[in-house]
Amino acid sequence: MPTAPGIKKFKLLTVEQAARYLGIKRQTLDVWRSTGRFVIPYQRVGGRVYYAQKDLDKALTRRSKS
């Protein structure tokens, strides 16, 4: 399916998938999101939260340098 010009296509993961990808519990990711303790960009779509895989990769890179 073609993408509209100027629209970038990213793989979006649910909260459960994102937590599994990061190797943490879903509750940990929920706490990070609600407290801002560890900032990972996310999107809300219809009341659901999604994370772009590219943002999770950046978060992993940042944490591994700490």
PDB file of N, CA and C in Angstrom:
ATOM      1  N   MET A   1       0.839  -1.176   0.000  1.00  0.00           N
ATOM      2  CA  MET A   1       0.000   0.000   0.000  1.00  0.00           C
ATOM      3  C   MET A   1       0.888   1.245   0.000  1.00  0.00           C
ATOM      4  N   PRO A   2       0.673   2.162  -0.911  1.00  0.00           N
ATOM      5  CA  PRO A   2       1.507   3.371  -0.990  1.00  0.00           C
ATOM      6  C   PRO A   2       1.267   4.287   0.200  1.00  0.00           C
ATOM      7  N   THR A   3       2.301   5.009   0.568  1.00  0.00           N
ATOM      8  CA  THR A   3       2.230   5.970   1.669  1.00  0.00           C
ATOM      9  C   THR A   3       2.129   7.368   1.095  1.00  0.00           C
ATOM     10  N   ALA A   4       1.341   8.211   1.741  1.00  0.00           N
ATOM     11  CA  ALA A   4       1.194   9.591   1.298  1.00  0.00           C
ATOM     12  C   ALA A   4       2.536  10.303   1.363  1.00  0.00           C
ATOM     13  N   PRO A   5       2.815  11.219   0.446  1.00  0.00           N
ATOM     14  CA  PRO A   5       4.077  11.950   0.473  1.00  0.00           C
ATOM     15  C   PRO A   5       4.264  12.684   1.805  1.00  0.00           C
ATOM     16  N   GLY A   6       5.474  12.634   2.329  1.00  0.00           N
ATOM     17  CA  GLY A   6       5.788  13.323   3.582  1.00  0.00           C
ATOM     18  C   GLY A   6       5.443  12.529   4.826  1.00  0.00           C
ATOM     19  N   ILE A   7       4.790  11.381   4.672  1.00  0.00           N
ATOM     20  CA  ILE A   7       4.435  10.549   5.820  1.00  0.00           C
ATOM     21  C   ILE A   7       5.494   9.462   5.970  1.00  0.00           C
ATOM     22  N   LYS A   8       6.100   9.400   7.150  1.00  0.00           N
ATOM     23  CA  LYS A   8       7.087   8.345   7.401  1.00  0.00           C
ATOM     24  C   LYS A   8       6.383   7.163   8.048  1.00  0.00           C
ATOM     25  N   LYS A   9       6.809   5.984   7.672  1.00  0.00           N
ATOM     26  CA  LYS A   9       6.198   4.774   8.187  1.00  0.00           C
ATOM     27  C   LYS A   9       7.098   4.203   9.284  1.00  0.00           C
ATOM     28  N   PHE A  10       6.550   4.052  10.500  1.00  0.00           N
ATOM     29  CA  PHE A  10       7.285   3.500  11.623  1.00  0.00           C
ATOM     30  C   PHE A  10       6.534   2.299  12.167  1.00  0.00           C
ATOM     31  N   LYS A  11       7.280   1.354  12.702  1.00  0.00           N
ATOM     32  CA  LYS A  11       6.639   0.218  13.334  1.00  0.00           C
ATOM     33  C   LYS A  11       6.195   0.646  14.722  1.00  0.00           C
ATOM     34  N   LEU A  12       4.892   0.582  14.974  1.00  0.00           N
ATOM     35  CA  LEU A  12       4.341   0.944  16.267  1.00  0.00           C
ATOM     36  C   LEU A  12       4.068  -0.318  17.078  1.00  0.00           C
ATOM     37  N   LEU A  13       4.415  -0.248  18.357  1.00  0.00           N
ATOM     38  CA  LEU A  13       4.225  -1.377  19.263  1.00  0.00           C
ATOM     39  C   LEU A  13       3.259  -0.992  20.370  1.00  0.00           C
ATOM     40  N   THR A  14       2.450  -1.953  20.796  1.00  0.00           N
ATOM     41  CA  THR A  14       1.573  -1.720  21.944  1.00  0.00           C
ATOM     42  C   THR A  14       2.449  -1.623  23.193  1.00  0.00           C
ATOM     43  N   VAL A  15       1.839  -1.245  24.312  1.00  0.00           N
ATOM     44  CA  VAL A  15       2.590  -1.147  25.568  1.00  0.00           C
ATOM     45  C   VAL A  15       3.177  -2.514  25.935  1.00  0.00           C
ATOM     46  N   GLU A  16       2.400  -3.557  25.773  1.00  0.00           N
ATOM     47  CA  GLU A  16       2.875  -4.908  26.094  1.00  0.00           C
ATOM     48  C   GLU A  16       4.067  -5.298  25.211  1.00  0.00           C
ATOM     49  N   GLN A  17       3.941  -5.031  23.918  1.00  0.00           N
ATOM     50  CA  GLN A  17       5.025  -5.358  22.993  1.00  0.00           C
ATOM     51  C   GLN A  17       6.268  -4.530  23.296  1.00  0.00           C
ATOM     52  N   ALA A  18       6.075  -3.250  23.598  1.00  0.00           N
ATOM     53  CA  ALA A  18       7.202  -2.365  23.895  1.00  0.00           C
ATOM     54  C   ALA A  18       7.924  -2.819  25.158  1.00  0.00           C
ATOM     55  N   ALA A  19       7.175  -3.192  26.178  1.00  0.00           N
ATOM     56  CA  ALA A  19       7.785  -3.664  27.424  1.00  0.00           C
ATOM     57  C   ALA A  19       8.586  -4.932  27.169  1.00  0.00           C
ATOM     58  N   ARG A  20       8.023  -5.847  26.410  1.00  0.00           N
ATOM     59  CA  ARG A  20       8.732  -7.088  26.072  1.00  0.00           C
ATOM     60  C   ARG A  20      10.000  -6.772  25.287  1.00  0.00           C
ATOM     61  N   TYR A  21       9.914  -5.848  24.357  1.00  0.00           N
ATOM     62  CA  TYR A  21      11.055  -5.440  23.531  1.00  0.00           C
ATOM     63  C   TYR A  21      12.182  -4.876  24.390  1.00  0.00           C
ATOM     64  N   LEU A  22      11.797  -4.100  25.422  1.00  0.00           N
ATOM     65  CA  LEU A  22      12.790  -3.501  26.309  1.00  0.00           C
ATOM     66  C   LEU A  22      13.262  -4.459  27.403  1.00  0.00           C
ATOM     67  N   GLY A  23      12.552  -5.565  27.571  1.00  0.00           N
ATOM     68  CA  GLY A  23      12.926  -6.532  28.598  1.00  0.00           C
ATOM     69  C   GLY A  23      12.521  -6.094  29.999  1.00  0.00           C
ATOM     70  N   ILE A  24      11.392  -5.368  30.086  1.00  0.00           N
ATOM     71  CA  ILE A  24      10.888  -4.896  31.367  1.00  0.00           C
ATOM     72  C   ILE A  24       9.429  -5.284  31.499  1.00  0.00           C
ATOM     73  N   LYS A  25       8.880  -5.086  32.701  1.00  0.00           N
ATOM     74  CA  LYS A  25       7.461  -5.349  32.912  1.00  0.00           C
ATOM     75  C   LYS A  25       6.630  -4.189  32.374  1.00  0.00           C
ATOM     76  N   ARG A  26       5.418  -4.511  31.993  1.00  0.00           N
ATOM     77  CA  ARG A  26       4.513  -3.472  31.485  1.00  0.00           C
ATOM     78  C   ARG A  26       4.308  -2.384  32.536  1.00  0.00           C
ATOM     79  N   GLN A  27       4.201  -2.795  33.805  1.00  0.00           N
ATOM     80  CA  GLN A  27       3.980  -1.832  34.882  1.00  0.00           C
ATOM     81  C   GLN A  27       5.133  -0.832  34.975  1.00  0.00           C
ATOM     82  N   THR A  28       6.348  -1.289  34.730  1.00  0.00           N
ATOM     83  CA  THR A  28       7.508  -0.396  34.758  1.00  0.00           C
ATOM     84  C   THR A  28       7.379   0.658  33.672  1.00  0.00           C
ATOM     85  N   LEU A  29       6.997   0.234  32.487  1.00  0.00           N
ATOM     86  CA  LEU A  29       6.823   1.172  31.372  1.00  0.00           C
ATOM     87  C   LEU A  29       5.695   2.164  31.681  1.00  0.00           C
ATOM     88  N   ASP A  30       4.619   1.687  32.302  1.00  0.00           N
ATOM     89  CA  ASP A  30       3.518   2.568  32.701  1.00  0.00           C
ATOM     90  C   ASP A  30       3.995   3.621  33.702  1.00  0.00           C
ATOM     91  N   VAL A  31       4.815   3.206  34.664  1.00  0.00           N
ATOM     92  CA  VAL A  31       5.340   4.140  35.670  1.00  0.00           C
ATOM     93  C   VAL A  31       6.238   5.172  35.003  1.00  0.00           C
ATOM     94  N   TRP A  32       7.120   4.719  34.130  1.00  0.00           N
ATOM     95  CA  TRP A  32       8.011   5.654  33.427  1.00  0.00           C
ATOM     96  C   TRP A  32       7.197   6.702  32.672  1.00  0.00           C
ATOM     97  N   ARG A  33       6.136   6.254  31.991  1.00  0.00           N
ATOM     98  CA  ARG A  33       5.318   7.163  31.192  1.00  0.00           C
ATOM     99  C   ARG A  33       4.572   8.153  32.086  1.00  0.00           C
ATOM    100  N   SER A  34       4.006   7.679  33.190  1.00  0.00           N
ATOM    101  CA  SER A  34       3.185   8.559  34.026  1.00  0.00           C
ATOM    102  C   SER A  34       4.017   9.504  34.896  1.00  0.00           C
ATOM    103  N   THR A  35       5.225   9.097  35.287  1.00  0.00           N
ATOM    104  CA  THR A  35       6.042   9.941  36.167  1.00  0.00           C
ATOM    105  C   THR A  35       7.089  10.747  35.417  1.00  0.00           C
ATOM    106  N   GLY A  36       7.375  10.349  34.167  1.00  0.00           N
ATOM    107  CA  GLY A  36       8.436  11.020  33.416  1.00  0.00           C
ATOM    108  C   GLY A  36       9.821  10.628  33.901  1.00  0.00           C
ATOM    109  N   ARG A  37       9.903   9.538  34.663  1.00  0.00           N
ATOM    110  CA  ARG A  37      11.182   9.096  35.211  1.00  0.00           C
ATOM    111  C   ARG A  37      12.181   8.766  34.108  1.00  0.00           C
ATOM    112  N   PHE A  38      11.702   8.105  33.084  1.00  0.00           N
ATOM    113  CA  PHE A  38      12.530   7.777  31.924  1.00  0.00           C
ATOM    114  C   PHE A  38      11.668   8.068  30.703  1.00  0.00           C
ATOM    115  N   VAL A  39      12.007   9.103  29.971  1.00  0.00           N
ATOM    116  CA  VAL A  39      11.134   9.600  28.898  1.00  0.00           C
ATOM    117  C   VAL A  39      11.360   8.836  27.593  1.00  0.00           C
ATOM    118  N   ILE A  40      10.296   8.222  27.129  1.00  0.00           N
ATOM    119  CA  ILE A  40      10.275   7.576  25.821  1.00  0.00           C
ATOM    120  C   ILE A  40       9.043   8.125  25.100  1.00  0.00           C
ATOM    121  N   PRO A  41       9.231   8.753  23.944  1.00  0.00           N
ATOM    122  CA  PRO A  41       8.073   9.291  23.222  1.00  0.00           C
ATOM    123  C   PRO A  41       7.041   8.194  22.915  1.00  0.00           C
ATOM    124  N   TYR A  42       5.782   8.571  22.993  1.00  0.00           N
ATOM    125  CA  TYR A  42       4.701   7.644  22.679  1.00  0.00           C
ATOM    126  C   TYR A  42       3.567   8.402  22.005  1.00  0.00           C
ATOM    127  N   GLN A  43       2.658   7.645  21.421  1.00  0.00           N
ATOM    128  CA  GLN A  43       1.490   8.234  20.773  1.00  0.00           C
ATOM    129  C   GLN A  43       0.242   7.605  21.348  1.00  0.00           C
ATOM    130  N   ARG A  44      -0.785   8.414  21.476  1.00  0.00           N
ATOM    131  CA  ARG A  44      -2.105   7.902  21.872  1.00  0.00           C
ATOM    132  C   ARG A  44      -2.982   7.873  20.631  1.00  0.00           C
ATOM    133  N   VAL A  45      -3.586   6.731  20.413  1.00  0.00           N
ATOM    134  CA  VAL A  45      -4.503   6.573  19.283  1.00  0.00           C
ATOM    135  C   VAL A  45      -5.762   5.907  19.828  1.00  0.00           C
ATOM    136  N   GLY A  46      -6.845   6.654  19.823  1.00  0.00           N
ATOM    137  CA  GLY A  46      -8.107   6.096  20.305  1.00  0.00           C
ATOM    138  C   GLY A  46      -8.035   5.602  21.738  1.00  0.00           C
ATOM    139  N   GLY A  47      -7.286   6.282  22.589  1.00  0.00           N
ATOM    140  CA  GLY A  47      -7.181   5.892  23.990  1.00  0.00           C
ATOM    141  C   GLY A  47      -6.112   4.847  24.271  1.00  0.00           C
ATOM    142  N   ARG A  48      -5.507   4.319  23.242  1.00  0.00           N
ATOM    143  CA  ARG A  48      -4.427   3.334  23.414  1.00  0.00           C
ATOM    144  C   ARG A  48      -3.082   4.010  23.237  1.00  0.00           C
ATOM    145  N   VAL A  49      -2.071   3.453  23.884  1.00  0.00           N
ATOM    146  CA  VAL A  49      -0.719   3.999  23.820  1.00  0.00           C
ATOM    147  C   VAL A  49       0.135   3.103  22.928  1.00  0.00           C
ATOM    148  N   TYR A  50       0.909   3.752  22.050  1.00  0.00           N
ATOM    149  CA  TYR A  50       1.813   3.032  21.158  1.00  0.00           C
ATOM    150  C   TYR A  50       3.196   3.674  21.204  1.00  0.00           C
ATOM    151  N   TYR A  51       4.210   2.849  21.037  1.00  0.00           N
ATOM    152  CA  TYR A  51       5.589   3.309  20.981  1.00  0.00           C
ATOM    153  C   TYR A  51       6.169   2.961  19.618  1.00  0.00           C
ATOM    154  N   ALA A  52       6.916   3.892  19.037  1.00  0.00           N
ATOM    155  CA  ALA A  52       7.620   3.606  17.783  1.00  0.00           C
ATOM    156  C   ALA A  52       8.877   2.814  18.131  1.00  0.00           C
ATOM    157  N   GLN A  53       9.130   1.772  17.376  1.00  0.00           N
ATOM    158  CA  GLN A  53      10.292   0.922  17.647  1.00  0.00           C
ATOM    159  C   GLN A  53      11.583   1.731  17.593  1.00  0.00           C
ATOM    160  N   LYS A  54      11.649   2.719  16.709  1.00  0.00           N
ATOM    161  CA  LYS A  54      12.854   3.542  16.602  1.00  0.00           C
ATOM    162  C   LYS A  54      13.107   4.307  17.899  1.00  0.00           C
ATOM    163  N   ASP A  55      12.043   4.732  18.585  1.00  0.00           N
ATOM    164  CA  ASP A  55      12.197   5.435  19.859  1.00  0.00           C
ATOM    165  C   ASP A  55      12.653   4.488  20.959  1.00  0.00           C
ATOM    166  N   LEU A  56      12.193   3.244  20.912  1.00  0.00           N
ATOM    167  CA  LEU A  56      12.643   2.252  21.883  1.00  0.00           C
ATOM    168  C   LEU A  56      14.120   1.939  21.677  1.00  0.00           C
ATOM    169  N   ASP A  57      14.530   1.867  20.418  1.00  0.00           N
ATOM    170  CA  ASP A  57      15.948   1.624  20.122  1.00  0.00           C
ATOM    171  C   ASP A  57      16.817   2.758  20.663  1.00  0.00           C
ATOM    172  N   LYS A  58      16.352   3.996  20.500  1.00  0.00           N
ATOM    173  CA  LYS A  58      17.092   5.153  21.032  1.00  0.00           C
ATOM    174  C   LYS A  58      17.172   5.080  22.552  1.00  0.00           C
ATOM    175  N   ALA A  59      16.086   4.676  23.192  1.00  0.00           N
ATOM    176  CA  ALA A  59      16.057   4.571  24.649  1.00  0.00           C
ATOM    177  C   ALA A  59      17.048   3.519  25.126  1.00  0.00           C
ATOM    178  N   LEU A  60      17.102   2.403  24.429  1.00  0.00           N
ATOM    179  CA  LEU A  60      18.063   1.360  24.793  1.00  0.00           C
ATOM    180  C   LEU A  60      19.496   1.850  24.640  1.00  0.00           C
ATOM    181  N   THR A  61      19.759   2.608  23.590  1.00  0.00           N
ATOM    182  CA  THR A  61      21.098   3.152  23.366  1.00  0.00           C
ATOM    183  C   THR A  61      21.465   4.125  24.481  1.00  0.00           C
ATOM    184  N   ARG A  62      20.549   5.004  24.850  1.00  0.00           N
ATOM    185  CA  ARG A  62      20.799   5.962  25.933  1.00  0.00           C
ATOM    186  C   ARG A  62      21.076   5.247  27.242  1.00  0.00           C
ATOM    187  N   ARG A  63      20.313   4.236  27.563  1.00  0.00           N
ATOM    188  CA  ARG A  63      20.487   3.520  28.834  1.00  0.00           C
ATOM    189  C   ARG A  63      21.785   2.743  28.861  1.00  0.00           C
ATOM    190  N   SER A  64      22.209   2.210  27.730  1.00  0.00           N
ATOM    191  CA  SER A  64      23.437   1.408  27.722  1.00  0.00           C
ATOM    192  C   SER A  64      24.675   2.286  27.881  1.00  0.00           C
ATOM    193  N   LYS A  65      24.560   3.578  27.592  1.00  0.00           N
ATOM    194  CA  LYS A  65      25.690   4.495  27.747  1.00  0.00           C
ATOM    195  C   LYS A  65      25.797   5.021  29.166  1.00  0.00           C
ATOM    196  N   SER A  66      24.731   4.868  29.959  1.00  0.00           N
ATOM    197  CA  SER A  66      24.716   5.401  31.326  1.00  0.00           C
ATOM    198  C   SER A  66      25.497   4.534  32.273  1.00  0.00           C
TER     199      SER A  66
END
